[in-house]
């Protein structure tokens, strides 16, 4: 009986430390952090909350500064994957020739300059969690094909490896680019677009919800103080 109590106490403490670690890392973002009272924002939040319960890929569209990563965090933290930290990759900030190793990782000796211990890719790190791919419209076509294969097969192969590993990762992608226009110009794969676009969330810019400006201003002033 005392052993059971000890285990229960340890589990409670572990849960507390997990929450504190999330707060310290600044990733305890929920739908409560998305401020506004406009109808369009409420509808967007309601849709995102429903989507959070699913296992499928999500595509978040919106202009720069509309809070795409905030929505991605909120979706992750409302999902059954919330006990694991969401993994992020900004597709525009990594040089094209390093993107494959960033996403899929590599084995020792895979190429000149490779670390002796090899490297885990973002996809493998995100196993049982969520991978947030920001600026997905900047992903080069070669990597689009490799990402599509992963989404279809749910398995990865590190650079320089002959071993295939199954992983359980939910992908949330975001962009401020018009992917449908990019498809017409053959700069974004249509099949990848439909793989990512299982659920689509379009975030309205502030100019379309002017009613939210004073609410947001009050919130920011209160938190600054």
Protein backbone atom coordinates (compact mmCIF):
# COMPACT_ATOMS: atom_id res chain seq x y z
CA UNK A 1 0.00 0.00 0.00
CA UNK A 2 2.82 2.43 0.91
CA UNK A 3 4.62 1.44 -2.33
CA UNK A 4 1.52 2.32 -4.37
CA UNK A 5 1.30 5.69 -2.58
CA UNK A 6 5.00 6.36 -3.30
CA UNK A 7 4.52 5.60 -7.01
CA UNK A 8 1.43 7.83 -7.15
CA UNK A 9 3.38 10.66 -5.47
CA UNK A 10 6.29 10.22 -7.88
CA UNK A 11 3.90 10.35 -10.87
CA UNK A 12 2.32 13.52 -9.49
CA UNK A 13 5.76 15.13 -9.02
CA UNK A 14 6.83 14.07 -12.51
CA UNK A 15 3.69 15.67 -13.99
CA UNK A 16 4.42 18.87 -12.06
CA UNK A 17 8.03 19.02 -13.28
CA UNK A 18 6.94 18.35 -16.87
CA UNK A 19 4.57 21.33 -16.69
CA UNK A 20 7.23 23.55 -15.10
CA UNK A 21 9.75 22.56 -17.78
CA UNK A 22 7.25 23.48 -20.50
CA UNK A 23 6.67 26.86 -18.87
CA UNK A 24 10.43 27.48 -18.53
CA UNK A 25 10.88 26.71 -22.21
CA UNK A 26 8.03 29.06 -23.08
CA UNK A 27 6.00 26.41 -24.87
CA UNK A 28 3.00 26.27 -22.54
CA UNK A 29 0.93 27.94 -25.25
CA UNK A 30 -2.75 27.06 -25.38
CA UNK A 31 -5.78 28.46 -27.15
CA UNK A 32 -6.17 30.84 -24.18
CA UNK A 33 -3.06 32.64 -25.45
CA UNK A 34 -4.80 33.47 -28.73
CA UNK A 35 -6.47 36.75 -27.82
CA UNK A 36 -9.53 38.25 -29.50
CA UNK A 37 -13.32 38.39 -29.47
CA UNK A 38 -14.13 38.66 -33.18
CA UNK A 39 -16.36 36.02 -34.73
CA UNK A 40 -13.75 35.07 -37.35
CA UNK A 41 -11.10 34.46 -34.65
CA UNK A 42 -13.52 32.40 -32.54
CA UNK A 43 -14.37 30.25 -35.57
CA UNK A 44 -10.66 29.77 -36.39
CA UNK A 45 -9.89 28.76 -32.79
CA UNK A 46 -12.88 26.37 -32.68
CA UNK A 47 -11.71 24.68 -35.87
CA UNK A 48 -8.12 24.40 -34.59
CA UNK A 49 -9.35 22.87 -31.32
CA UNK A 50 -11.34 20.22 -33.22
CA UNK A 51 -8.32 19.52 -35.44
CA UNK A 52 -6.10 19.07 -32.36
CA UNK A 53 -7.96 15.86 -31.44
CA UNK A 54 -7.09 14.27 -34.80
CA UNK A 55 -3.89 12.44 -35.77
CA UNK A 56 -3.80 13.91 -39.28
CA UNK A 57 -1.48 16.51 -40.80
CA UNK A 58 -2.39 20.19 -40.53
CA UNK A 59 -1.59 23.06 -42.88
CA UNK A 60 -1.65 26.53 -41.30
CA UNK A 61 -1.85 29.46 -43.72
CA UNK A 62 -1.47 33.12 -42.87
CA UNK A 63 0.55 36.24 -43.39
CA UNK A 64 3.75 36.88 -41.43
CA UNK A 65 2.97 37.88 -37.86
CA UNK A 66 -0.48 36.28 -37.68
CA UNK A 67 0.65 33.72 -35.08
CA UNK A 68 1.07 30.50 -37.06
CA UNK A 69 3.53 29.02 -34.54
CA UNK A 70 1.22 30.00 -31.67
CA UNK A 71 -1.58 28.00 -33.32
CA UNK A 72 0.78 25.06 -33.92
CA UNK A 73 1.77 25.08 -30.23
CA UNK A 74 -1.86 25.31 -29.13
CA UNK A 75 -2.87 22.40 -31.40
CA UNK A 76 0.02 20.28 -30.09
CA UNK A 77 -0.73 21.12 -26.43
CA UNK A 78 -4.41 20.21 -26.91
CA UNK A 79 -3.53 16.87 -28.55
CA UNK A 80 -2.76 13.46 -27.08
CA UNK A 81 0.91 14.13 -27.92
CA UNK A 82 1.21 17.02 -25.44
CA UNK A 83 3.41 15.07 -22.99
CA UNK A 84 6.21 15.19 -25.56
CA UNK A 85 7.82 18.45 -26.64
CA UNK A 86 6.92 19.75 -30.08
CA UNK A 87 9.91 19.79 -32.47
CA UNK A 88 10.38 22.77 -34.81
CA UNK A 89 12.19 23.31 -38.09
CA UNK A 90 12.15 26.52 -40.11
CA UNK A 91 12.58 25.36 -43.71
CA UNK A 92 13.75 28.81 -44.83
CA UNK A 93 16.54 29.15 -42.25
CA UNK A 94 18.49 25.97 -43.13
CA UNK A 95 20.77 25.88 -46.22
CA UNK A 96 19.29 23.55 -48.86
CA UNK A 97 22.24 21.14 -48.76
CA UNK A 98 21.79 20.61 -45.01
CA UNK A 99 18.02 20.11 -44.99
CA UNK A 100 18.12 16.34 -45.52
CA UNK A 101 20.48 15.77 -42.59
CA UNK A 102 18.39 18.14 -40.42
CA UNK A 103 15.19 16.25 -41.19
CA UNK A 104 16.41 12.66 -41.45
CA UNK A 105 19.74 12.63 -39.60
CA UNK A 106 22.85 10.71 -40.62
CA UNK A 107 25.12 7.85 -39.56
CA UNK A 108 28.81 8.12 -38.68
CA UNK A 109 30.93 8.48 -41.82
CA UNK A 110 27.96 9.38 -44.02
CA UNK A 111 29.91 12.29 -45.50
CA UNK A 112 33.03 14.38 -44.91
CA UNK A 113 32.65 16.39 -41.73
CA UNK A 114 29.95 14.16 -40.26
CA UNK A 115 30.01 13.92 -36.46
CA UNK A 116 31.58 10.74 -35.10
CA UNK A 117 28.39 9.83 -33.22
CA UNK A 118 26.12 10.60 -36.18
CA UNK A 119 23.06 12.78 -35.78
CA UNK A 120 19.36 12.34 -35.08
CA UNK A 121 17.09 14.12 -37.53
CA UNK A 122 14.16 16.29 -36.47
CA UNK A 123 11.68 13.63 -37.62
CA UNK A 124 13.18 10.96 -35.37
CA UNK A 125 13.44 13.40 -32.44
CA UNK A 126 9.71 14.10 -32.90
CA UNK A 127 8.76 10.40 -32.58
CA UNK A 128 5.45 10.20 -30.62
CA UNK A 129 5.20 13.99 -30.83
CA UNK A 130 4.53 16.77 -33.34
CA UNK A 131 6.91 18.15 -35.97
CA UNK A 132 6.23 21.78 -36.85
CA UNK A 133 7.60 22.67 -40.30
CA UNK A 134 7.49 26.44 -40.63
CA UNK A 135 7.93 28.15 -44.02
CA UNK A 136 7.09 24.89 -45.82
CA UNK A 137 6.81 26.84 -49.08
CA UNK A 138 10.59 27.31 -49.00
CA UNK A 139 11.31 23.57 -49.05
CA UNK A 140 13.20 22.67 -52.27
CA UNK A 141 11.56 20.16 -54.64
CA UNK A 142 14.08 17.38 -53.86
CA UNK A 143 13.24 17.58 -50.17
CA UNK A 144 9.52 17.84 -50.93
CA UNK A 145 9.76 14.39 -52.55
CA UNK A 146 11.56 12.94 -49.50
CA UNK A 147 9.09 14.51 -47.06
CA UNK A 148 6.19 13.12 -49.12
CA UNK A 149 7.70 9.62 -48.95
CA UNK A 150 7.97 9.91 -45.17
CA UNK A 151 4.35 11.08 -44.86
CA UNK A 152 3.20 8.13 -46.99
CA UNK A 153 5.31 5.42 -45.37
CA UNK A 154 5.77 6.82 -41.83
CA UNK A 155 9.36 5.61 -41.88
CA UNK A 156 12.79 7.19 -42.23
CA UNK A 157 16.23 6.18 -43.43
CA UNK A 158 19.20 8.21 -42.17
CA UNK A 159 21.83 9.37 -44.64
CA UNK A 160 24.48 6.64 -44.84
CA UNK A 161 22.21 4.01 -43.23
CA UNK A 162 20.64 0.87 -44.66
CA UNK A 163 18.19 0.57 -41.77
CA UNK A 164 14.61 1.81 -42.05
CA UNK A 165 12.90 3.00 -38.88
CA UNK A 166 9.18 3.42 -38.29
CA UNK A 167 8.24 6.64 -36.50
CA UNK A 168 4.99 8.05 -35.15
CA UNK A 169 5.05 11.77 -35.96
CA UNK A 170 2.26 14.25 -36.61
CA UNK A 171 3.25 17.03 -39.02
CA UNK A 172 1.97 20.58 -38.75
CA UNK A 173 3.19 22.75 -41.63
CA UNK A 174 2.84 26.51 -42.01
CA UNK A 175 3.49 29.09 -44.71
CA UNK A 176 2.67 32.62 -45.78
CA UNK A 177 3.03 31.63 -49.44
CA UNK A 178 0.26 30.75 -51.87
CA UNK A 179 0.94 27.03 -52.35
CA UNK A 180 -1.77 26.62 -54.99
CA UNK A 181 -0.04 29.26 -57.13
CA UNK A 182 3.29 27.51 -56.53
CA UNK A 183 1.74 24.23 -57.75
CA UNK A 184 0.73 25.95 -61.00
CA UNK A 185 4.31 27.13 -61.43
CA UNK A 186 5.69 23.65 -60.59
CA UNK A 187 7.59 24.93 -57.53
CA UNK A 188 5.49 22.97 -55.01
CA UNK A 189 4.36 19.37 -55.40
CA UNK A 190 0.61 18.90 -55.67
CA UNK A 191 0.74 15.46 -54.03
CA UNK A 192 2.65 16.86 -51.03
CA UNK A 193 0.17 19.74 -50.77
CA UNK A 194 -2.74 17.28 -50.47
CA UNK A 195 -0.83 15.15 -47.96
CA UNK A 196 -0.25 18.19 -45.72
CA UNK A 197 -3.64 19.74 -46.34
CA UNK A 198 -5.74 17.10 -44.52
CA UNK A 199 -6.87 19.94 -42.29
CA UNK A 200 -6.38 23.55 -43.34
CA UNK A 201 -6.46 26.48 -40.93
CA UNK A 202 -6.36 29.99 -42.39
CA UNK A 203 -5.45 32.62 -39.80
CA UNK A 204 -7.12 35.98 -40.40
CA UNK A 205 -4.84 39.06 -40.26
CA UNK A 206 -5.57 41.75 -37.67
CA UNK A 207 -6.90 44.17 -40.32
CA UNK A 208 -9.79 41.75 -40.91
CA UNK A 209 -10.69 41.69 -37.22
CA UNK A 210 -10.26 45.29 -36.07
CA UNK A 211 -12.57 44.61 -33.12
CA UNK A 212 -9.69 42.59 -31.59
CA UNK A 213 -7.16 45.47 -31.61
CA UNK A 214 -8.23 47.10 -28.27
CA UNK A 215 -8.61 43.65 -26.63
CA UNK A 216 -5.12 42.67 -27.76
CA UNK A 217 -3.66 46.05 -26.71
CA UNK A 218 -5.12 45.67 -23.18
CA UNK A 219 -3.75 42.14 -22.90
CA UNK A 220 -0.25 43.21 -23.98
CA UNK A 221 -0.20 46.22 -21.64
CA UNK A 222 -1.41 44.10 -18.71
CA UNK A 223 1.27 41.47 -19.34
CA UNK A 224 4.00 44.08 -19.80
CA UNK A 225 3.17 45.47 -16.39
